[in-house]
Amino acid sequence: MNYAALYRLSGMAAVAGGALRIATAFPLGQDAVSLEWLYTGIDILLLFGLIGIFLLRAERLGFLGLASFIVAVAALSFIGGPDADPFGFSTYEQGAATLAIALVGVSMAWVRAGERPLGPPICWFASVIVAGLLSYVPPLSAYGLPAAGALFGLGFVLAGLPLLRPRV
């Protein structure tokens, strides 16, 4: 398989995972087991999408981009699976927070390198700000995490679309 095909597959994974993450920001009336499988699928898609998103820009993102990518991959692997507390804390909550921080790092490296499009880093950075700010506004606090999740997913959709373009 050539690199162009791998980038397209990675782009498809990023777009699909991001779109599904946006969809899960809205209440889903499914049983817990179905939701766990859906979230696991999303995490797998986001992981494969993130690999292509990073590799396309690896040379330009520098050390901050590499370090943030490594942390993001670790965080995605940490949040996958059933919500359990084997270590005395919520692995999902800690993994999700770590992933958000890692994508802020990727976003900073992205902007510093002058990468385009700017939509993905804006969405990823805004997801962290929205989650933080809305948690302090009582009438809106219930919307903070869903809005942050939708922005997070949109960042992956926007980052995945350029990977779908044919490459030599």
N, C-alpha and C. Protein backbone atom coordinates (compact mmCIF):
# COMPACT_ATOMS: atom_id res chain seq x y z
N MET A 1 0.85 -1.17 0.00
CA MET A 1 0.00 0.00 0.00
C MET A 1 0.90 1.23 0.00
N ASN A 2 0.52 2.24 -0.75
CA ASN A 2 1.35 3.45 -0.83
C ASN A 2 0.89 4.50 0.18
N TYR A 3 1.72 5.53 0.35
CA TYR A 3 1.44 6.57 1.34
C TYR A 3 0.16 7.33 1.04
N ALA A 4 -0.11 7.59 -0.23
CA ALA A 4 -1.32 8.33 -0.59
C ALA A 4 -2.57 7.59 -0.11
N ALA A 5 -2.59 6.28 -0.31
CA ALA A 5 -3.73 5.49 0.14
C ALA A 5 -3.83 5.47 1.66
N LEU A 6 -2.69 5.38 2.33
CA LEU A 6 -2.70 5.40 3.80
C LEU A 6 -3.21 6.74 4.34
N TYR A 7 -2.80 7.83 3.70
CA TYR A 7 -3.29 9.14 4.13
C TYR A 7 -4.80 9.24 3.91
N ARG A 8 -5.28 8.74 2.77
CA ARG A 8 -6.73 8.79 2.52
C ARG A 8 -7.49 7.96 3.56
N LEU A 9 -6.98 6.76 3.88
CA LEU A 9 -7.64 5.94 4.90
C LEU A 9 -7.63 6.64 6.26
N SER A 10 -6.50 7.26 6.58
CA SER A 10 -6.40 8.00 7.84
C SER A 10 -7.37 9.18 7.85
N GLY A 11 -7.48 9.86 6.71
CA GLY A 11 -8.44 10.97 6.61
C GLY A 11 -9.86 10.50 6.79
N MET A 12 -10.19 9.36 6.18
CA MET A 12 -11.54 8.80 6.35
C MET A 12 -11.80 8.47 7.82
N ALA A 13 -10.80 7.90 8.49
CA ALA A 13 -10.95 7.56 9.90
C ALA A 13 -11.16 8.82 10.74
N ALA A 14 -10.38 9.88 10.45
CA ALA A 14 -10.51 11.13 11.21
C ALA A 14 -11.89 11.75 11.00
N VAL A 15 -12.34 11.79 9.76
CA VAL A 15 -13.66 12.37 9.45
C VAL A 15 -14.77 11.54 10.09
N ALA A 16 -14.71 10.23 9.95
CA ALA A 16 -15.75 9.37 10.53
C ALA A 16 -15.74 9.44 12.05
N GLY A 17 -14.55 9.34 12.66
CA GLY A 17 -14.46 9.41 14.11
C GLY A 17 -14.93 10.77 14.64
N GLY A 18 -14.53 11.84 13.95
CA GLY A 18 -14.95 13.18 14.37
C GLY A 18 -16.46 13.36 14.23
N ALA A 19 -17.02 12.89 13.11
CA ALA A 19 -18.47 13.01 12.91
C ALA A 19 -19.24 12.21 13.96
N LEU A 20 -18.76 11.02 14.26
CA LEU A 20 -19.42 10.23 15.30
C LEU A 20 -19.28 10.88 16.67
N ARG A 21 -18.13 11.51 16.92
CA ARG A 21 -17.94 12.21 18.21
C ARG A 21 -18.90 13.38 18.31
N ILE A 22 -19.13 14.09 17.21
CA ILE A 22 -20.12 15.17 17.20
C ILE A 22 -21.51 14.60 17.51
N ALA A 23 -21.85 13.49 16.86
CA ALA A 23 -23.17 12.88 17.07
C ALA A 23 -23.37 12.46 18.52
N THR A 24 -22.32 11.98 19.17
CA THR A 24 -22.46 11.53 20.56
C THR A 24 -22.53 12.70 21.55
N ALA A 25 -22.32 13.92 21.06
CA ALA A 25 -22.49 15.08 21.93
C ALA A 25 -23.97 15.28 22.27
N PHE A 26 -24.83 14.68 21.47
CA PHE A 26 -26.26 14.77 21.69
C PHE A 26 -26.73 13.49 22.37
N PRO A 27 -27.77 13.57 23.18
CA PRO A 27 -28.22 12.38 23.92
C PRO A 27 -28.58 11.23 22.97
N LEU A 28 -28.04 10.07 23.28
CA LEU A 28 -28.34 8.86 22.51
C LEU A 28 -29.12 7.91 23.41
N GLY A 29 -30.19 7.40 22.90
CA GLY A 29 -31.03 6.52 23.70
C GLY A 29 -30.66 5.06 23.56
N GLN A 30 -29.39 4.74 23.69
CA GLN A 30 -28.96 3.36 23.54
C GLN A 30 -28.56 2.79 24.89
N ASP A 31 -28.50 1.47 24.94
CA ASP A 31 -28.08 0.82 26.18
C ASP A 31 -26.58 1.03 26.39
N ALA A 32 -26.14 0.80 27.60
CA ALA A 32 -24.75 1.07 27.98
C ALA A 32 -23.74 0.26 27.18
N VAL A 33 -24.05 -0.97 26.88
CA VAL A 33 -23.12 -1.81 26.14
C VAL A 33 -22.94 -1.29 24.71
N SER A 34 -24.04 -0.92 24.07
CA SER A 34 -23.96 -0.37 22.71
C SER A 34 -23.16 0.92 22.69
N LEU A 35 -23.38 1.76 23.69
CA LEU A 35 -22.62 3.01 23.77
C LEU A 35 -21.13 2.76 23.97
N GLU A 36 -20.78 1.78 24.79
CA GLU A 36 -19.37 1.45 24.99
C GLU A 36 -18.72 1.02 23.69
N TRP A 37 -19.42 0.21 22.91
CA TRP A 37 -18.89 -0.22 21.61
C TRP A 37 -18.76 0.97 20.67
N LEU A 38 -19.75 1.85 20.68
CA LEU A 38 -19.69 3.04 19.83
C LEU A 38 -18.49 3.91 20.21
N TYR A 39 -18.32 4.16 21.50
CA TYR A 39 -17.19 4.99 21.95
C TYR A 39 -15.85 4.32 21.66
N THR A 40 -15.78 3.02 21.78
CA THR A 40 -14.55 2.30 21.44
C THR A 40 -14.24 2.46 19.96
N GLY A 41 -15.25 2.33 19.12
CA GLY A 41 -15.07 2.53 17.68
C GLY A 41 -14.60 3.94 17.36
N ILE A 42 -15.19 4.93 18.04
CA ILE A 42 -14.78 6.31 17.83
C ILE A 42 -13.31 6.49 18.22
N ASP A 43 -12.93 5.95 19.36
CA ASP A 43 -11.53 6.08 19.81
C ASP A 43 -10.56 5.46 18.82
N ILE A 44 -10.93 4.31 18.26
CA ILE A 44 -10.07 3.65 17.27
C ILE A 44 -9.95 4.51 16.01
N LEU A 45 -11.09 5.03 15.54
CA LEU A 45 -11.06 5.90 14.36
C LEU A 45 -10.23 7.16 14.61
N LEU A 46 -10.40 7.76 15.78
CA LEU A 46 -9.63 8.96 16.09
C LEU A 46 -8.14 8.66 16.18
N LEU A 47 -7.80 7.50 16.71
CA LEU A 47 -6.39 7.12 16.78
C LEU A 47 -5.78 7.01 15.39
N PHE A 48 -6.43 6.28 14.49
CA PHE A 48 -5.91 6.15 13.14
C PHE A 48 -5.92 7.49 12.40
N GLY A 49 -6.93 8.29 12.66
CA GLY A 49 -6.96 9.62 12.05
C GLY A 49 -5.83 10.49 12.55
N LEU A 50 -5.59 10.46 13.84
CA LEU A 50 -4.53 11.28 14.43
C LEU A 50 -3.16 10.90 13.88
N ILE A 51 -2.94 9.63 13.63
CA ILE A 51 -1.65 9.20 13.08
C ILE A 51 -1.40 9.87 11.74
N GLY A 52 -2.37 9.86 10.84
CA GLY A 52 -2.19 10.50 9.54
C GLY A 52 -2.10 12.00 9.64
N ILE A 53 -2.92 12.59 10.51
CA ILE A 53 -2.90 14.04 10.70
C ILE A 53 -1.51 14.47 11.14
N PHE A 54 -0.92 13.74 12.07
CA PHE A 54 0.42 14.09 12.55
C PHE A 54 1.48 13.81 11.49
N LEU A 55 1.46 12.62 10.91
CA LEU A 55 2.52 12.24 9.98
C LEU A 55 2.61 13.16 8.77
N LEU A 56 1.48 13.70 8.33
CA LEU A 56 1.49 14.63 7.21
C LEU A 56 2.30 15.89 7.53
N ARG A 57 2.34 16.25 8.81
CA ARG A 57 2.98 17.49 9.24
C ARG A 57 4.17 17.27 10.17
N ALA A 58 4.59 16.05 10.38
CA ALA A 58 5.57 15.71 11.41
C ALA A 58 6.82 16.56 11.34
N GLU A 59 7.36 16.78 10.17
CA GLU A 59 8.60 17.54 10.05
C GLU A 59 8.45 18.99 10.49
N ARG A 60 7.25 19.54 10.33
CA ARG A 60 7.04 20.95 10.63
C ARG A 60 6.54 21.20 12.05
N LEU A 61 6.00 20.17 12.71
CA LEU A 61 5.43 20.38 14.04
C LEU A 61 6.47 20.37 15.15
N GLY A 62 7.66 19.91 14.86
CA GLY A 62 8.76 19.99 15.82
C GLY A 62 8.57 19.12 17.05
N PHE A 63 9.37 19.43 18.06
CA PHE A 63 9.37 18.63 19.28
C PHE A 63 8.04 18.74 20.03
N LEU A 64 7.47 19.95 20.12
CA LEU A 64 6.18 20.11 20.80
C LEU A 64 5.11 19.26 20.12
N GLY A 65 5.09 19.26 18.80
CA GLY A 65 4.13 18.45 18.06
C GLY A 65 4.32 16.97 18.31
N LEU A 66 5.58 16.52 18.30
CA LEU A 66 5.87 15.10 18.54
C LEU A 66 5.48 14.70 19.96
N ALA A 67 5.90 15.49 20.94
CA ALA A 67 5.59 15.16 22.33
C ALA A 67 4.08 15.15 22.56
N SER A 68 3.38 16.12 22.00
CA SER A 68 1.93 16.19 22.16
C SER A 68 1.24 15.02 21.46
N PHE A 69 1.75 14.64 20.29
CA PHE A 69 1.21 13.49 19.56
C PHE A 69 1.36 12.22 20.39
N ILE A 70 2.54 12.02 20.97
CA ILE A 70 2.79 10.82 21.79
C ILE A 70 1.83 10.77 22.98
N VAL A 71 1.64 11.90 23.64
CA VAL A 71 0.72 11.96 24.79
C VAL A 71 -0.71 11.71 24.32
N ALA A 72 -1.09 12.26 23.17
CA ALA A 72 -2.45 12.06 22.65
C ALA A 72 -2.71 10.59 22.33
N VAL A 73 -1.74 9.92 21.71
CA VAL A 73 -1.89 8.50 21.40
C VAL A 73 -2.03 7.70 22.70
N ALA A 74 -1.21 8.01 23.68
CA ALA A 74 -1.30 7.31 24.97
C ALA A 74 -2.66 7.57 25.61
N ALA A 75 -3.13 8.81 25.56
CA ALA A 75 -4.42 9.14 26.16
C ALA A 75 -5.56 8.41 25.46
N LEU A 76 -5.51 8.34 24.13
CA LEU A 76 -6.56 7.61 23.41
C LEU A 76 -6.57 6.14 23.79
N SER A 77 -5.41 5.56 24.01
CA SER A 77 -5.37 4.16 24.40
C SER A 77 -5.85 3.98 25.84
N PHE A 78 -5.69 5.01 26.65
CA PHE A 78 -6.08 4.95 28.05
C PHE A 78 -7.59 5.04 28.24
N ILE A 79 -8.27 5.81 27.37
CA ILE A 79 -9.71 6.01 27.55
C ILE A 79 -10.53 4.90 26.91
N GLY A 80 -9.91 4.09 26.05
CA GLY A 80 -10.65 3.03 25.40
C GLY A 80 -11.06 1.96 26.38
N GLY A 81 -12.17 1.35 26.09
CA GLY A 81 -12.64 0.26 26.95
C GLY A 81 -13.70 0.72 27.93
N PRO A 82 -14.15 -0.19 28.75
CA PRO A 82 -15.23 0.13 29.69
C PRO A 82 -14.79 1.14 30.75
N ASP A 83 -15.75 1.93 31.18
CA ASP A 83 -15.47 2.91 32.23
C ASP A 83 -15.29 2.18 33.55
N ALA A 84 -14.07 2.07 33.96
CA ALA A 84 -13.75 1.39 35.22
C ALA A 84 -12.76 2.25 35.98
N ASP A 85 -12.62 1.98 37.23
CA ASP A 85 -11.69 2.72 38.07
C ASP A 85 -10.66 1.77 38.67
N PRO A 86 -9.87 1.10 37.83
CA PRO A 86 -8.94 0.11 38.38
C PRO A 86 -7.82 0.74 39.21
N PHE A 87 -7.58 2.03 39.00
CA PHE A 87 -6.49 2.69 39.72
C PHE A 87 -7.00 3.64 40.81
N GLY A 88 -8.29 3.59 41.10
CA GLY A 88 -8.85 4.45 42.12
C GLY A 88 -9.29 5.81 41.59
N PHE A 89 -9.27 5.99 40.27
CA PHE A 89 -9.76 7.23 39.65
C PHE A 89 -10.34 6.85 38.28
N SER A 90 -11.13 7.73 37.72
CA SER A 90 -11.77 7.46 36.45
C SER A 90 -10.74 7.55 35.32
N THR A 91 -10.43 6.41 34.73
CA THR A 91 -9.45 6.41 33.64
C THR A 91 -9.97 7.21 32.45
N TYR A 92 -11.29 7.18 32.23
CA TYR A 92 -11.84 7.95 31.11
C TYR A 92 -11.67 9.44 31.34
N GLU A 93 -12.05 9.92 32.51
CA GLU A 93 -11.95 11.36 32.79
C GLU A 93 -10.51 11.85 32.70
N GLN A 94 -9.60 11.11 33.29
CA GLN A 94 -8.19 11.53 33.26
C GLN A 94 -7.63 11.42 31.85
N GLY A 95 -7.99 10.36 31.13
CA GLY A 95 -7.53 10.20 29.76
C GLY A 95 -8.09 11.27 28.84
N ALA A 96 -9.37 11.62 29.01
CA ALA A 96 -9.98 12.65 28.18
C ALA A 96 -9.34 14.01 28.44
N ALA A 97 -9.08 14.32 29.71
CA ALA A 97 -8.42 15.59 30.03
C ALA A 97 -7.00 15.62 29.45
N THR A 98 -6.29 14.50 29.55
CA THR A 98 -4.94 14.42 29.00
C THR A 98 -4.97 14.57 27.49
N LEU A 99 -5.94 13.94 26.84
CA LEU A 99 -6.07 14.05 25.38
C LEU A 99 -6.35 15.50 24.98
N ALA A 100 -7.23 16.17 25.70
CA ALA A 100 -7.54 17.57 25.38
C ALA A 100 -6.30 18.44 25.51
N ILE A 101 -5.52 18.23 26.57
CA ILE A 101 -4.29 19.01 26.78
C ILE A 101 -3.28 18.69 25.67
N ALA A 102 -3.17 17.42 25.30
CA ALA A 102 -2.23 17.04 24.24
C ALA A 102 -2.62 17.70 22.91
N LEU A 103 -3.92 17.77 22.63
CA LEU A 103 -4.34 18.40 21.37
C LEU A 103 -4.16 19.91 21.42
N VAL A 104 -4.17 20.51 22.59
CA VAL A 104 -3.79 21.92 22.70
C VAL A 104 -2.33 22.08 22.32
N GLY A 105 -1.49 21.15 22.76
CA GLY A 105 -0.07 21.18 22.38
C GLY A 105 0.11 21.02 20.88
N VAL A 106 -0.62 20.06 20.28
CA VAL A 106 -0.58 19.89 18.83
C VAL A 106 -1.04 21.17 18.14
N SER A 107 -2.08 21.79 18.69
CA SER A 107 -2.61 23.02 18.11
C SER A 107 -1.59 24.15 18.15
N MET A 108 -0.89 24.27 19.26
CA MET A 108 0.14 25.32 19.36
C MET A 108 1.25 25.06 18.36
N ALA A 109 1.69 23.82 18.22
CA ALA A 109 2.74 23.49 17.25
C ALA A 109 2.24 23.74 15.82
N TRP A 110 0.99 23.42 15.58
CA TRP A 110 0.36 23.60 14.26
C TRP A 110 0.36 25.07 13.86
N VAL A 111 -0.10 25.92 14.75
CA VAL A 111 -0.17 27.36 14.46
C VAL A 111 1.24 27.94 14.32
N ARG A 112 2.14 27.55 15.22
CA ARG A 112 3.51 28.03 15.17
C ARG A 112 4.17 27.68 13.83
N ALA A 113 3.86 26.50 13.30
CA ALA A 113 4.45 26.05 12.04
C ALA A 113 3.77 26.66 10.82
N GLY A 114 2.68 27.39 11.03
CA GLY A 114 1.97 27.99 9.91
C GLY A 114 1.18 26.99 9.08
N GLU A 115 0.80 25.90 9.71
CA GLU A 115 0.04 24.85 9.00
C GLU A 115 -1.38 25.34 8.70
N ARG A 116 -1.93 24.77 7.65
CA ARG A 116 -3.30 25.05 7.25
C ARG A 116 -4.02 23.72 7.11
N PRO A 117 -5.29 23.66 7.30
CA PRO A 117 -6.19 24.74 7.67
C PRO A 117 -6.09 25.07 9.16
N LEU A 118 -6.59 26.22 9.53
CA LEU A 118 -6.55 26.63 10.94
C LEU A 118 -7.74 26.13 11.74
N GLY A 119 -8.74 25.61 11.07
CA GLY A 119 -9.93 25.11 11.76
C GLY A 119 -9.65 24.06 12.82
N PRO A 120 -8.84 23.03 12.54
CA PRO A 120 -8.61 22.00 13.55
C PRO A 120 -8.01 22.53 14.85
N PRO A 121 -6.91 23.31 14.80
CA PRO A 121 -6.38 23.77 16.09
C PRO A 121 -7.32 24.73 16.80
N ILE A 122 -8.06 25.52 16.04
CA ILE A 122 -9.03 26.42 16.68
C ILE A 122 -10.10 25.61 17.40
N CYS A 123 -10.61 24.57 16.75
CA CYS A 123 -11.65 23.74 17.38
C CYS A 123 -11.13 23.01 18.61
N TRP A 124 -9.92 22.42 18.51
CA TRP A 124 -9.38 21.69 19.65
C TRP A 124 -9.10 22.62 20.82
N PHE A 125 -8.54 23.78 20.55
CA PHE A 125 -8.27 24.73 21.62
C PHE A 125 -9.57 25.26 22.21
N ALA A 126 -10.54 25.57 21.34
CA ALA A 126 -11.83 26.08 21.80
C ALA A 126 -12.58 25.05 22.63
N SER A 127 -12.40 23.76 22.34
CA SER A 127 -13.10 22.73 23.11
C SER A 127 -12.68 22.78 24.58
N VAL A 128 -11.41 23.03 24.82
CA VAL A 128 -10.91 23.10 26.20
C VAL A 128 -11.45 24.36 26.88
N ILE A 129 -11.45 25.46 26.16
CA ILE A 129 -11.94 26.73 26.73
C ILE A 129 -13.43 26.65 27.02
N VAL A 130 -14.20 26.11 26.07
CA VAL A 130 -15.65 26.00 26.25
C VAL A 130 -15.98 25.11 27.45
N ALA A 131 -15.31 23.97 27.56
CA ALA A 131 -15.57 23.08 28.70
C ALA A 131 -15.27 23.77 30.01
N GLY A 132 -14.18 24.52 30.06
CA GLY A 132 -13.81 25.23 31.29
C GLY A 132 -14.73 26.38 31.61
N LEU A 133 -15.01 27.22 30.63
CA LEU A 133 -15.84 28.40 30.87
C LEU A 133 -17.28 28.04 31.21
N LEU A 134 -17.86 27.14 30.44
CA LEU A 134 -19.26 26.82 30.68
C LEU A 134 -19.48 26.09 32.00
N SER A 135 -18.46 25.47 32.53
CA SER A 135 -18.63 24.81 33.82
C SER A 135 -18.83 25.81 34.95
N TYR A 136 -18.48 27.08 34.71
CA TYR A 136 -18.64 28.13 35.72
C TYR A 136 -19.91 28.94 35.54
N VAL A 137 -20.69 28.66 34.52
CA VAL A 137 -21.93 29.39 34.28
C VAL A 137 -23.08 28.42 34.56
N PRO A 138 -23.67 28.50 35.77
CA PRO A 138 -24.66 27.49 36.19
C PRO A 138 -25.76 27.17 35.18
N PRO A 139 -26.40 28.15 34.54
CA PRO A 139 -27.46 27.73 33.62
C PRO A 139 -26.93 26.99 32.38
N LEU A 140 -25.66 27.18 32.06
CA LEU A 140 -25.09 26.58 30.86
C LEU A 140 -24.15 25.40 31.16
N SER A 141 -23.93 25.11 32.43
CA SER A 141 -22.93 24.09 32.78
C SER A 141 -23.25 22.71 32.19
N ALA A 142 -24.50 22.40 31.99
CA ALA A 142 -24.87 21.10 31.41
C ALA A 142 -24.47 21.00 29.94
N TYR A 143 -24.21 22.14 29.31
CA TYR A 143 -23.87 22.14 27.88
C TYR A 143 -22.37 22.19 27.62
N GLY A 144 -21.56 22.38 28.67
CA GLY A 144 -20.12 22.53 28.49
C GLY A 144 -19.46 21.33 27.86
N LEU A 145 -19.65 20.15 28.44
CA LEU A 145 -19.00 18.95 27.90
C LEU A 145 -19.55 18.54 26.54
N PRO A 146 -20.88 18.60 26.32
CA PRO A 146 -21.36 18.28 24.97
C PRO A 146 -20.82 19.26 23.91
N ALA A 147 -20.79 20.55 24.23
CA ALA A 147 -20.26 21.53 23.27
C ALA A 147 -18.78 21.28 23.02
N ALA A 148 -18.03 20.99 24.09
CA ALA A 148 -16.61 20.70 23.95
C ALA A 148 -16.40 19.45 23.10
N GLY A 149 -17.21 18.42 23.31
CA GLY A 149 -17.11 17.20 22.52
C GLY A 149 -17.40 17.43 21.05
N ALA A 150 -18.39 18.28 20.76
CA ALA A 150 -18.71 18.59 19.37
C ALA A 150 -17.56 19.36 18.70
N LEU A 151 -16.98 20.31 19.41
CA LEU A 151 -15.82 21.05 18.87
C LEU A 151 -14.62 20.13 18.67
N PHE A 152 -14.41 19.25 19.62
CA PHE A 152 -13.32 18.27 19.53
C PHE A 152 -13.49 17.42 18.26
N GLY A 153 -14.69 16.89 18.07
CA GLY A 153 -14.97 16.08 16.88
C GLY A 153 -14.84 16.88 15.60
N LEU A 154 -15.32 18.12 15.60
CA LEU A 154 -15.21 18.97 14.42
C LEU A 154 -13.75 19.21 14.05
N GLY A 155 -12.89 19.34 15.05
CA GLY A 155 -11.47 19.49 14.78
C GLY A 155 -10.92 18.31 14.00
N PHE A 156 -11.35 17.09 14.35
CA PHE A 156 -10.89 15.91 13.62
C PHE A 156 -11.47 15.87 12.21
N VAL A 157 -12.73 16.26 12.05
CA VAL A 157 -13.32 16.30 10.71
C VAL A 157 -12.52 17.26 9.83
N LEU A 158 -12.27 18.47 10.34
CA LEU A 158 -11.56 19.47 9.57
C LEU A 158 -10.10 19.08 9.29
N ALA A 159 -9.48 18.37 10.22
CA ALA A 159 -8.10 17.92 10.01
C ALA A 159 -8.05 16.73 9.06
N GLY A 160 -9.10 15.93 9.02
CA GLY A 160 -9.11 14.75 8.18
C GLY A 160 -9.42 15.05 6.72
N LEU A 161 -10.20 16.10 6.46
CA LEU A 161 -10.59 16.39 5.09
C LEU A 161 -9.40 16.60 4.14
N PRO A 162 -8.36 17.35 4.52
CA PRO A 162 -7.22 17.49 3.60
C PRO A 162 -6.50 16.18 3.29
N LEU A 163 -6.62 15.20 4.17
CA LEU A 163 -5.98 13.91 3.92
C LEU A 163 -6.70 13.11 2.83
N LEU A 164 -7.92 13.49 2.53
CA LEU A 164 -8.69 12.78 1.52
C LEU A 164 -8.29 13.18 0.10
N ARG A 165 -7.59 14.30 -0.02
CA ARG A 165 -7.17 14.77 -1.34
C ARG A 165 -6.08 13.84 -1.91
N PRO A 166 -6.13 13.63 -3.21
CA PRO A 166 -5.09 12.79 -3.82
C PRO A 166 -3.69 13.37 -3.63
N ARG A 167 -2.72 12.51 -3.38
CA ARG A 167 -1.33 12.90 -3.20
C ARG A 167 -0.45 12.08 -4.13
N VAL A 168 0.67 12.64 -4.46
CA VAL A 168 1.61 11.92 -5.34
C VAL A 168 2.48 11.01 -4.50
